[in-house]
Protein backbone atom coordinates (compact mmCIF):
# COMPACT_ATOMS: atom_id res chain seq x y z
CA MET A 1 97.27 86.44 111.17
CA ASN A 2 94.35 86.89 108.57
CA ARG A 3 94.21 84.62 105.82
CA ALA A 4 92.60 87.20 103.75
CA ALA A 5 91.15 90.93 104.72
CA PRO A 6 88.01 92.99 104.28
CA ILE A 7 88.00 95.02 100.95
CA ILE A 8 86.90 98.31 103.32
CA LYS A 9 88.65 98.60 106.72
CA ALA A 10 86.18 100.43 108.30
CA ASP A 11 82.27 100.10 109.55
CA TYR A 12 80.29 99.67 106.37
CA PRO A 13 78.04 97.05 107.57
CA ASN A 14 74.71 95.19 106.25
CA PRO A 15 75.54 95.98 102.87
CA ASP A 16 73.52 95.20 99.85
CA VAL A 17 74.97 95.70 96.16
CA VAL A 18 73.59 96.02 92.45
CA ARG A 19 75.11 96.60 89.28
CA VAL A 20 73.91 99.13 86.66
CA GLU A 21 75.63 98.95 83.28
CA ASP A 22 79.33 99.16 84.41
CA THR A 23 78.59 100.31 87.75
CA TYR A 24 78.46 98.80 91.02
CA TYR A 25 76.35 100.62 93.87
CA MET A 26 76.45 99.31 97.54
CA VAL A 27 74.36 100.84 99.97
CA CYS A 28 75.13 99.89 104.01
CA ALA A 29 73.21 100.46 107.10
CA THR A 30 74.23 104.04 109.08
CA MET A 31 72.05 103.65 112.24
CA HIS A 32 71.56 106.93 114.22
CA PHE A 33 73.99 109.20 111.99
CA MET A 34 72.95 111.69 109.51
CA PRO A 35 72.70 112.27 106.83
CA GLY A 36 71.85 108.37 106.45
CA GLY A 37 71.75 105.75 104.12
CA VAL A 38 75.49 106.09 102.93
CA MET A 39 75.67 105.13 99.19
CA LEU A 40 79.06 103.68 97.74
CA ARG A 41 80.00 103.40 94.12
CA SER A 42 82.46 101.33 92.63
CA PHE A 43 83.70 99.85 89.11
CA ASP A 44 85.53 96.89 90.55
CA LEU A 45 83.80 95.79 93.63
CA LYS A 46 87.06 96.08 95.38
CA ASN A 47 87.46 100.17 95.56
CA TRP A 48 84.45 102.17 96.65
CA GLU A 49 83.82 105.98 97.18
CA ILE A 50 80.96 107.70 98.65
CA ALA A 51 78.35 108.37 96.02
CA GLY A 52 75.98 110.20 98.33
CA TYR A 53 73.07 109.63 101.07
CA VAL A 54 69.55 108.48 100.59
CA TYR A 55 68.28 110.68 103.25
CA ASP A 56 69.16 113.74 105.30
CA THR A 57 66.69 113.23 108.13
CA LEU A 58 64.34 110.14 108.99
CA GLU A 59 61.25 111.33 111.14
CA ASN A 60 63.19 114.45 112.59
CA THR A 61 61.55 112.98 116.22
CA PRO A 62 62.43 114.82 119.40
CA ARG A 63 64.79 111.52 120.13
CA GLU A 64 66.40 112.00 116.64
CA ARG A 65 66.82 115.80 117.40
CA MET A 66 68.54 114.97 120.67
CA GLU A 67 66.12 117.15 122.58
CA GLY A 68 66.67 116.73 126.46
CA GLU A 69 68.56 113.44 127.31
CA GLY A 70 66.68 111.60 124.62
CA SER A 71 68.50 109.92 121.65
CA ILE A 72 68.38 107.01 119.11
CA TYR A 73 71.79 105.67 119.54
CA GLY A 74 71.69 101.81 118.08
CA LYS A 75 68.35 102.59 116.34
CA GLY A 76 67.66 104.42 113.23
CA MET A 77 68.26 102.74 110.08
CA TRP A 78 69.29 99.23 110.06
CA ALA A 79 69.93 96.47 106.89
CA ALA A 80 68.63 97.77 103.73
CA SER A 81 67.88 96.31 100.37
CA LEU A 82 69.20 98.04 97.17
CA ARG A 83 67.42 97.25 94.01
CA TYR A 84 67.26 98.83 90.14
CA HIS A 85 63.93 97.99 88.35
CA ASN A 86 62.73 99.90 85.44
CA GLY A 87 65.14 102.85 85.47
CA LEU A 88 64.77 103.40 89.10
CA PHE A 89 66.86 102.62 92.20
CA TYR A 90 64.80 101.22 95.25
CA VAL A 91 66.26 101.19 98.82
CA LEU A 92 63.99 99.41 101.65
CA PHE A 93 64.74 99.31 105.08
CA GLY A 94 63.40 98.99 108.70
CA VAL A 95 63.53 101.49 111.61
CA PRO A 96 62.78 99.73 114.63
CA GLU A 97 60.66 102.57 116.31
CA SER A 98 58.81 103.93 113.43
CA GLY A 99 58.28 101.57 110.78
CA CYS A 100 59.51 100.64 107.11
CA TYR A 101 60.45 103.36 104.57
CA LEU A 102 61.10 102.79 100.64
CA TYR A 103 63.18 105.75 98.91
CA THR A 104 63.37 105.71 95.01
CA SER A 105 65.53 107.76 92.70
CA GLU A 106 66.51 107.86 89.00
CA GLN A 107 70.01 108.32 90.21
CA ALA A 108 72.06 106.49 92.76
CA GLU A 109 73.49 110.08 94.01
CA GLY A 110 69.55 111.16 94.35
CA PRO A 111 67.40 113.05 94.96
CA TRP A 112 65.21 110.39 96.44
CA THR A 113 61.54 110.23 97.23
CA ARG A 114 60.56 108.50 100.29
CA GLN A 115 57.25 106.38 101.09
CA ARG A 116 56.46 105.07 104.25
CA LEU A 117 55.26 101.39 103.90
CA GLU A 118 51.82 100.45 105.78
CA SER A 119 51.94 96.87 106.64
CA PRO A 120 50.07 94.79 109.41
CA TYR A 121 53.06 93.42 110.61
CA GLY A 122 54.23 96.96 111.77
CA TYR A 123 58.47 97.31 111.59
CA LEU A 124 59.91 94.63 108.69
CA HIS A 125 63.15 93.57 110.15
CA ASP A 126 65.85 93.67 107.69
CA PRO A 127 63.53 93.52 104.29
CA SER A 128 64.38 92.60 101.06
CA LEU A 129 62.60 93.45 97.69
CA LEU A 130 61.97 91.11 94.38
CA PHE A 131 60.34 92.19 91.36
CA GLU A 132 59.21 89.90 89.22
CA GLU A 133 59.25 90.07 85.18
CA ASP A 134 55.23 90.00 85.32
CA GLY A 135 55.33 92.89 87.63
CA ARG A 136 54.54 91.16 90.95
CA VAL A 137 56.52 92.58 94.00
CA TYR A 138 57.43 90.91 97.24
CA ILE A 139 59.38 91.49 100.42
CA ALA A 140 60.89 88.74 102.43
CA PHE A 141 61.54 90.28 106.05
CA GLY A 142 61.94 88.64 109.60
CA ARG A 143 64.15 87.29 112.25
CA SER A 144 64.07 83.50 112.92
CA ASP A 145 61.22 82.86 111.05
CA ILE A 146 61.08 84.76 107.68
CA ARG A 147 57.99 85.71 106.22
CA LEU A 148 57.19 86.21 102.23
CA THR A 149 54.77 88.91 101.46
CA GLU A 150 53.47 90.04 98.07
CA TRP A 151 52.44 93.90 97.62
CA GLU A 152 50.90 96.08 95.41
CA PRO A 153 53.16 97.24 92.72
CA ASP A 154 52.69 100.83 94.12
CA PHE A 155 53.58 99.58 97.49
CA SER A 156 50.53 101.11 98.82
CA GLY A 157 49.99 97.79 100.86
CA LEU A 158 49.88 94.04 100.74
CA ARG A 159 48.25 92.78 97.63
CA GLU A 160 44.62 91.49 98.38
CA GLY A 161 44.69 87.87 97.82
CA GLY A 162 48.58 87.76 97.19
CA LEU A 163 51.04 85.61 98.78
CA ASP A 164 51.76 86.06 102.37
CA ARG A 165 53.47 82.89 104.06
CA VAL A 166 56.35 82.00 106.28
CA ILE A 167 59.25 80.60 104.22
CA VAL A 168 61.92 79.82 106.80
CA GLN A 169 61.10 78.67 110.46
CA GLU A 170 63.86 78.36 112.81
CA ARG A 171 64.37 74.80 114.25
CA GLN A 172 67.72 74.76 115.80
CA ASP A 173 69.58 75.76 118.82
CA VAL A 174 71.11 79.41 117.90
CA TYR A 175 72.55 82.28 119.20
CA LEU A 176 71.06 84.30 116.06
CA GLY A 177 68.13 82.82 114.31
CA HIS A 178 67.96 83.68 110.52
CA GLU A 179 67.85 87.35 109.70
CA GLY A 180 69.25 89.70 107.07
CA SER A 181 67.25 88.61 103.99
CA HIS A 182 68.14 88.94 100.50
CA LEU A 183 65.77 87.67 98.13
CA TYR A 184 66.73 87.09 94.30
CA LYS A 185 65.25 85.30 91.15
CA ILE A 186 68.10 83.79 89.07
CA ASN A 187 67.27 81.63 86.25
CA GLY A 188 64.05 80.75 87.32
CA LYS A 189 65.00 79.87 90.89
CA TYR A 190 64.03 81.55 93.92
CA TYR A 191 67.07 82.08 96.34
CA LEU A 192 66.94 83.71 99.66
CA PHE A 193 70.26 84.25 101.64
CA THR A 194 70.49 84.86 105.30
CA ILE A 195 72.72 85.08 108.18
CA HIS A 196 72.80 82.41 111.05
CA TRP A 197 74.46 81.54 114.02
CA PRO A 198 73.73 78.01 115.28
CA LYS A 199 75.01 76.42 118.16
CA LYS A 200 77.57 73.93 116.84
CA GLU A 201 80.33 72.24 118.35
CA GLY A 202 83.46 73.30 117.09
CA ARG A 203 82.25 75.58 114.52
CA ASP A 204 80.70 78.22 116.64
CA ARG A 205 80.35 81.21 114.37
CA ARG A 206 77.61 83.40 112.25
CA THR A 207 77.24 81.90 108.82
CA GLN A 208 76.00 82.37 105.33
CA VAL A 209 72.54 80.17 104.38
CA CYS A 210 71.07 79.89 101.33
CA PHE A 211 67.48 78.67 100.92
CA VAL A 212 66.09 77.54 97.26
CA ALA A 213 62.88 77.25 95.83
CA ASP A 214 61.27 76.72 92.35
CA SER A 215 58.49 79.31 92.99
CA PRO A 216 57.23 81.62 95.85
CA GLU A 217 54.77 79.11 96.62
CA GLY A 218 57.11 76.15 96.92
CA GLU A 219 59.48 74.93 99.80
CA PHE A 220 62.71 76.66 100.16
CA THR A 221 65.38 74.24 101.08
CA GLU A 222 68.06 75.19 103.24
CA HIS A 223 71.92 74.91 102.22
CA GLU A 224 75.04 76.33 104.44
CA VAL A 225 77.27 77.95 102.01
CA LEU A 226 79.68 79.92 103.82
CA SER A 227 81.01 79.19 107.21
CA ASP A 228 84.50 80.89 107.27
CA ASP A 229 86.37 83.74 109.73
CA MET A 230 89.37 84.12 107.27
CA GLY A 231 91.65 83.18 110.39
CA PHE A 232 90.25 86.25 112.41
CA ARG A 233 89.08 85.46 116.16
CA ASN A 234 86.25 82.89 114.73
CA GLN A 235 84.11 86.06 113.73
CA GLY A 236 82.26 84.50 110.63
CA VAL A 237 81.72 86.05 107.37
CA ALA A 238 78.08 86.26 106.53
CA GLN A 239 75.13 88.77 105.49
CA GLY A 240 74.71 90.67 102.38
CA GLY A 241 74.08 90.69 98.61
CA ILE A 242 75.26 88.97 95.34
CA VAL A 243 75.80 90.72 92.12
CA ASP A 244 77.10 89.68 88.81
CA THR A 245 79.60 91.15 86.65
CA PRO A 246 79.33 92.45 82.82
CA ASP A 247 81.30 89.08 81.88
CA GLY A 248 78.87 86.86 84.03
CA ARG A 249 80.84 86.01 86.99
CA TRP A 250 79.42 86.33 90.31
CA TYR A 251 80.23 87.99 94.03
CA ALA A 252 78.96 88.18 97.36
CA MET A 253 79.18 91.10 99.56
CA LEU A 254 79.28 90.16 102.89
CA PHE A 255 80.74 91.55 106.53
CA GLN A 256 82.79 90.70 109.18
CA ASP A 257 83.16 92.00 112.85
CA HIS A 258 86.21 93.50 113.56
CA GLY A 259 85.70 94.38 117.39
CA ALA A 260 85.55 97.99 118.40
CA VAL A 261 86.43 99.54 114.70
CA GLY A 262 83.08 97.64 113.52
CA ARG A 263 81.68 95.31 110.82
CA MET A 264 83.35 95.65 107.40
CA PRO A 265 82.74 94.40 104.34
CA VAL A 266 84.23 91.35 102.71
CA LEU A 267 83.86 90.35 98.79
CA VAL A 268 83.52 86.36 98.13
CA PRO A 269 83.68 84.82 94.83
CA VAL A 270 80.37 82.72 93.91
CA THR A 271 80.08 79.86 91.52
CA TRP A 272 77.35 77.36 90.39
CA GLN A 273 76.86 74.03 90.84
CA GLY A 274 73.83 73.41 89.01
CA ASP A 275 71.10 75.41 90.69
CA LEU A 276 73.26 75.87 94.10
CA PRO A 277 75.76 78.89 94.60
CA VAL A 278 79.13 77.94 95.96
CA PHE A 279 80.64 80.36 98.05
CA GLY A 280 84.36 80.97 98.07
CA ARG A 281 86.91 78.20 97.39
CA GLU A 282 86.74 75.14 99.21
CA GLY A 283 84.52 76.49 101.61
CA ARG A 284 86.88 79.62 102.29
CA VAL A 285 87.13 82.91 101.66
CA PRO A 286 90.26 82.93 99.35
CA ALA A 287 93.09 85.21 100.12
CA ILE A 288 93.16 86.92 96.89
CA VAL A 289 90.13 87.89 94.70
CA SER A 290 90.65 88.65 91.16
CA ILE A 291 88.06 90.78 89.50
CA ARG A 292 88.46 93.06 86.03
CA SER A 293 87.99 96.87 86.59
CA ASN A 294 85.05 98.23 84.47
CA ARG A 295 86.93 101.42 84.20
CA PRO A 296 90.63 100.73 84.56
CA GLY A 297 92.51 103.70 85.72
CA TYR A 298 89.62 105.37 87.55
CA GLN A 299 90.75 107.44 90.75
CA TYR A 300 88.70 106.86 93.73
CA GLU A 301 87.94 109.58 96.42
CA PRO A 302 89.12 108.14 99.63
CA LEU A 303 86.60 107.14 102.28
CA TYR A 304 88.15 109.44 104.90
CA THR A 305 89.41 112.87 104.81
CA SER A 306 91.59 115.64 106.46
CA ASP A 307 89.42 118.88 106.52
CA SER A 308 90.56 122.41 107.13
CA PHE A 309 86.74 123.43 106.83
CA PRO A 310 86.58 126.01 104.06
CA CYS A 311 83.44 128.25 104.09
CA LEU A 312 81.54 126.10 101.17
CA ARG A 313 77.79 126.48 100.73
CA ASP A 314 75.17 124.33 98.25
CA TRP A 315 73.08 125.66 95.89
CA ARG A 316 70.44 126.21 98.67
CA GLY A 317 72.98 128.69 100.43
CA ARG A 318 73.60 126.06 103.19
CA TYR A 319 76.79 125.44 104.80
CA GLU A 320 78.27 121.96 102.93
CA LEU A 321 80.79 119.53 104.68
CA LYS A 322 82.66 116.88 102.57
CA ARG A 323 80.71 113.56 102.18
CA GLN A 324 82.82 111.72 104.66
CA TRP A 325 81.39 113.67 107.52
CA GLN A 326 78.33 112.47 109.09
CA TRP A 327 76.65 114.13 112.34
CA ASN A 328 76.01 111.53 115.19
CA HIS A 329 71.94 112.45 114.98
CA ASP A 330 69.90 115.37 113.35
CA PRO A 331 71.85 118.67 113.55
CA ASP A 332 70.44 121.82 114.55
CA PRO A 333 71.33 124.20 111.33
CA GLY A 334 71.17 127.03 113.82
CA LEU A 335 74.01 126.02 116.05
CA TRP A 336 76.83 125.14 113.33
CA GLY A 337 78.34 126.89 110.37
CA LEU A 338 81.78 127.59 108.70
CA LYS A 339 84.01 130.37 109.18
CA GLU A 340 85.10 132.56 106.29
CA GLU A 341 88.68 132.05 107.04
CA GLY A 342 88.27 128.48 107.86
CA GLY A 343 87.07 126.35 110.73
CA LEU A 344 84.07 124.55 112.18
CA TRP A 345 82.01 126.59 114.65
CA VAL A 346 79.68 124.76 117.12
CA ARG A 347 77.35 126.15 119.67
CA THR A 348 75.86 124.54 122.65
CA GLY A 349 72.03 124.91 122.84
CA LYS A 350 71.21 122.34 125.90
CA LEU A 351 72.53 121.21 129.21
CA CYS A 352 74.28 117.85 128.77
CA THR A 353 75.75 115.51 131.55
CA ASN A 354 78.57 113.99 129.15
CA VAL A 355 79.49 114.12 125.20
CA LEU A 356 76.93 111.44 124.05
CA GLN A 357 74.37 113.89 124.91
CA ALA A 358 75.79 116.55 122.90
CA ARG A 359 74.30 117.72 119.67
CA ASN A 360 75.95 118.80 116.27
CA THR A 361 78.53 116.18 117.01
CA LEU A 362 80.28 115.74 113.74
CA THR A 363 81.95 112.16 112.91
CA GLN A 364 84.11 110.08 110.90
CA ARG A 365 84.97 106.15 110.80
CA MET A 366 88.07 105.08 111.98
CA LEU A 367 90.16 102.58 109.85
CA TYR A 368 91.50 99.28 110.96
CA PRO A 369 94.25 98.54 112.00
CA ARG A 370 95.62 101.62 113.28
CA CYS A 371 94.55 105.44 112.67
CA SER A 372 94.81 108.80 114.28
CA GLY A 373 93.03 112.06 114.23
CA GLU A 374 94.36 115.58 115.34
CA VAL A 375 92.61 118.62 115.46
CA THR A 376 92.83 122.37 116.57
CA VAL A 377 90.38 123.26 119.31
CA ASP A 378 89.72 127.11 120.00
CA GLY A 379 87.45 127.59 123.29
CA SER A 380 87.74 131.10 123.40
CA ALA A 381 83.96 131.33 123.25
CA LEU A 382 83.35 128.42 125.94
CA ARG A 383 81.27 129.31 128.77
CA GLU A 384 81.80 127.82 132.46
CA GLY A 385 81.62 123.96 132.52
CA ASP A 386 81.66 123.50 128.95
CA CYS A 387 83.75 121.05 127.24
CA ALA A 388 84.97 120.84 123.49
CA GLY A 389 87.47 118.28 121.83
CA LEU A 390 87.94 115.48 120.13
CA CYS A 391 86.44 112.16 120.81
CA ALA A 392 86.75 108.60 120.39
CA LEU A 393 82.92 108.12 120.02
CA GLN A 394 81.07 104.90 121.09
CA GLY A 395 78.88 103.93 124.55
CA CYS A 396 82.61 103.52 126.24
CA TYR A 397 83.66 106.65 124.73
CA GLY A 398 87.20 108.81 125.40
CA MET A 399 87.37 112.58 124.67
CA ILE A 400 90.32 114.83 124.90
CA GLY A 401 89.49 118.53 124.94
CA ILE A 402 89.14 121.86 126.91
CA THR A 403 87.28 122.79 129.49
CA ARG A 404 86.50 126.11 131.08
CA SER A 405 86.35 126.34 135.00
CA LEU A 406 86.78 129.20 137.07
CA ASN A 407 88.00 131.25 133.91
CA THR A 408 90.95 128.89 133.58
CA TYR A 409 91.30 126.82 130.73
CA TYR A 410 92.33 123.04 131.28
CA LEU A 411 93.12 120.26 128.70
CA VAL A 412 91.18 117.12 130.30
CA VAL A 413 90.70 113.47 129.53
CA VAL A 414 87.47 112.30 130.13
CA THR A 415 86.33 108.50 129.53
CA ARG A 416 83.49 106.15 130.06
CA THR A 417 84.14 102.52 130.98
CA LEU A 418 81.47 100.14 130.80
CA GLN A 419 81.29 97.09 133.07
CA ASN A 420 79.40 94.47 130.88
CA GLU A 421 81.62 93.77 127.98
CA LYS A 422 79.29 91.42 126.24
CA LEU A 423 78.45 92.02 122.53
CA THR A 424 74.69 91.69 123.82
CA GLY A 425 74.73 94.02 126.74
CA ARG A 426 72.55 97.10 126.02
CA ALA A 427 73.52 99.54 128.49
CA ALA A 428 70.82 102.06 130.04
CA GLN A 429 70.47 105.43 128.98
CA ASP A 430 73.60 106.90 129.99
CA TYR A 431 72.48 109.86 132.45
CA MET A 432 76.15 109.95 134.12
CA PRO A 433 79.19 112.33 133.66
CA GLY A 434 82.16 110.75 132.44
CA ARG A 435 85.33 109.82 134.24
CA MET A 436 88.12 112.51 134.47
CA THR A 437 91.55 110.74 133.96
CA ASP A 438 94.01 113.66 133.55
CA ARG A 439 93.89 117.51 133.38
CA VAL A 440 96.40 120.26 132.95
CA ALA A 441 96.25 123.95 133.13
CA LEU A 442 96.48 125.48 129.97
CA PRO A 443 98.07 129.12 129.30
CA GLY A 444 95.28 130.15 126.92
CA PRO A 445 91.78 128.74 125.22
CA VAL A 446 93.67 126.82 121.96
CA ALA A 447 95.06 123.39 122.06
CA ARG A 448 96.08 120.90 119.42
CA VAL A 449 94.95 117.34 120.49
CA ARG A 450 95.11 113.94 119.16
CA ILE A 451 93.57 110.51 119.27
CA SER A 452 95.43 107.44 118.04
CA ALA A 453 93.55 104.42 117.71
CA ASN A 454 94.90 100.59 117.48
CA PHE A 455 92.34 97.91 116.26
CA THR A 456 95.01 95.27 115.34
CA ASP A 457 93.83 92.24 116.33
CA MET A 458 91.28 93.53 118.43
CA ALA A 459 93.69 95.49 120.84
CA ASP A 460 90.92 97.98 120.39
CA THR A 461 92.56 100.98 122.41
CA VAL A 462 92.85 104.79 121.97
CA GLU A 463 95.71 107.15 123.45
CA PHE A 464 95.34 110.78 123.71
CA ALA A 465 98.26 113.44 123.30
CA TRP A 466 98.29 117.22 123.07
CA LYS A 467 100.79 119.54 121.41
CA ASN A 468 102.64 121.30 123.60
CA GLY A 469 104.83 123.63 121.95
CA THR A 470 106.64 121.73 119.23
CA HIS A 471 106.39 118.32 120.66
CA TRP A 472 103.65 115.65 121.75
CA GLU A 473 102.88 114.87 125.08
CA SER A 474 100.48 112.00 126.22
CA LEU A 475 97.81 112.69 128.37
CA GLY A 476 95.38 110.36 130.23
CA GLU A 477 95.52 106.57 130.18
CA ARG A 478 95.09 104.40 127.67
CA HIS A 479 91.72 103.33 126.93
CA ARG A 480 89.60 100.24 125.98
CA LEU A 481 86.94 100.42 123.29
CA TYR A 482 84.36 97.82 122.68
CA PHE A 483 81.78 97.12 120.01
CA ARG A 484 78.44 96.92 121.84
CA LEU A 485 74.55 96.77 120.72
CA ASP A 486 74.29 100.23 123.01
CA HIS A 487 75.52 101.98 119.63
CA PHE A 488 75.55 99.31 117.16
CA ALA A 489 78.15 101.19 115.33
CA GLY A 490 82.00 101.03 115.25
CA CYS A 491 83.83 103.93 117.08
CA ARG A 492 84.20 107.14 115.08
CA PHE A 493 86.06 110.25 115.51
CA ALA A 494 84.12 112.93 116.61
CA LEU A 495 84.43 116.76 116.74
CA ALA A 496 81.96 117.65 120.04
CA VAL A 497 81.37 120.48 122.44
CA TYR A 498 78.70 120.44 125.05
CA ALA A 499 77.54 122.53 127.97
CA THR A 500 77.16 121.50 131.83
CA ARG A 501 75.95 124.50 133.10
CA GLU A 502 74.87 127.18 130.79
CA SER A 503 73.84 126.83 127.02
CA GLY A 504 75.13 129.29 124.57
CA GLY A 505 79.04 128.82 124.60
CA GLU A 506 80.69 128.06 121.36
CA ALA A 507 83.80 125.96 120.09
CA VAL A 508 85.87 126.09 116.52
CA PHE A 509 87.36 123.33 115.08
CA LYS A 510 90.04 123.78 112.35
CA ASP A 511 92.67 121.82 110.44
CA PHE A 512 91.27 118.00 110.93
CA VAL A 513 94.22 115.51 109.97
CA TYR A 514 93.46 112.16 109.26
CA GLN A 515 96.22 109.68 109.17
CA ALA A 516 95.74 106.02 108.10
């Protein structure tokens, strides 16, 4: 059994956190999902709500738009650095295929201004910002070897004659070299935190490491500050930022892998012995972390939601969705909308061989240890060969939905099973149709479907059902899920429709119910 548990039981990986007066803000990696760069808000570091997103789109490239068979699954926005300096929020992150981006805003909710950084090193892996009191600006980044670079204050480029040196060199036999940099200056000392996965007898897990130096030019000495899995399957807690409270206490926000549901934030108390930070108590994350709320009684908006999809529009007249939803890639605004009477409609705009290639797929994170989602699918406007329904979205997806064949409507379960179960397995682009595990004829084009997920102790399975009259009936087989680097994200509920023979068909999704 778990000795302690993550504070958010969903996929919010690579956290970085700051405090501005009485409010804490946390940014997490969102990979290929749009809008991206989710910004969370809290007053006690335990309860969080979505404040907004850093960007609507990145470069809007053909792959981000899923043109043809292209996609950016497993890519997009990786680990970010969040800082607040001289009245501005800064979010810095790398995109493996296109470089490094800096976003600034006066408010965490936005709007944000974007700047692309030009660096002789190209893509900056897991970058971290540090602002000095004298106006100097540093960025630490890298994998295995960590480089510290000095930048012009306007981030127009590296400062001429400024610091540019490797401060960490990997010298061990490892599964994962140092990465996930988080750089700070505290009480005159410089601290670099990294995640690390050394090959150690009897302690083979990811760890949190701290490097300490007297100056950016000085020697950064290494200290392992946490090696703990909270009693959960040797999944080490590591990578993230630290923050202080108004009364001077310190905490780290790290994350822990939990199988197919994703990577979850973990709150760890931090104390100090001289100049060295001490994570947890006696080397472990305590089961209970006490912290005082800066706004007692505040009611947080849940991180997940049911939705009847009312016809809402923003100030620009565009259709507006609840903050808990994200598209799988850049959506096509001309191929989706909200009906006046309620309901999300999505129209196909290209041919696909499977649901992973579908554009305008709307998603929400699944929750640990169990959750279910159900929705009514109206396939009246589907075309021959279309499939529309509810999907457990990841590389080894499972979908229950309606398909139209020879002018007859069928309810089907379609799944993808991956052969290589290793975390490091990167599947090639998936061009093949999924496997149909069950099919039943429907009397009409409308059905209510459900997916139930079980992530308890990494069971990582989903089951499918449909409402036949007044009762639910199972359909298809129990399906196994896996967290892998092909998507590098936890499994999500997804509302999707795709065409296999002719584009232009349409599906309507109504009354989505999320149960946790």
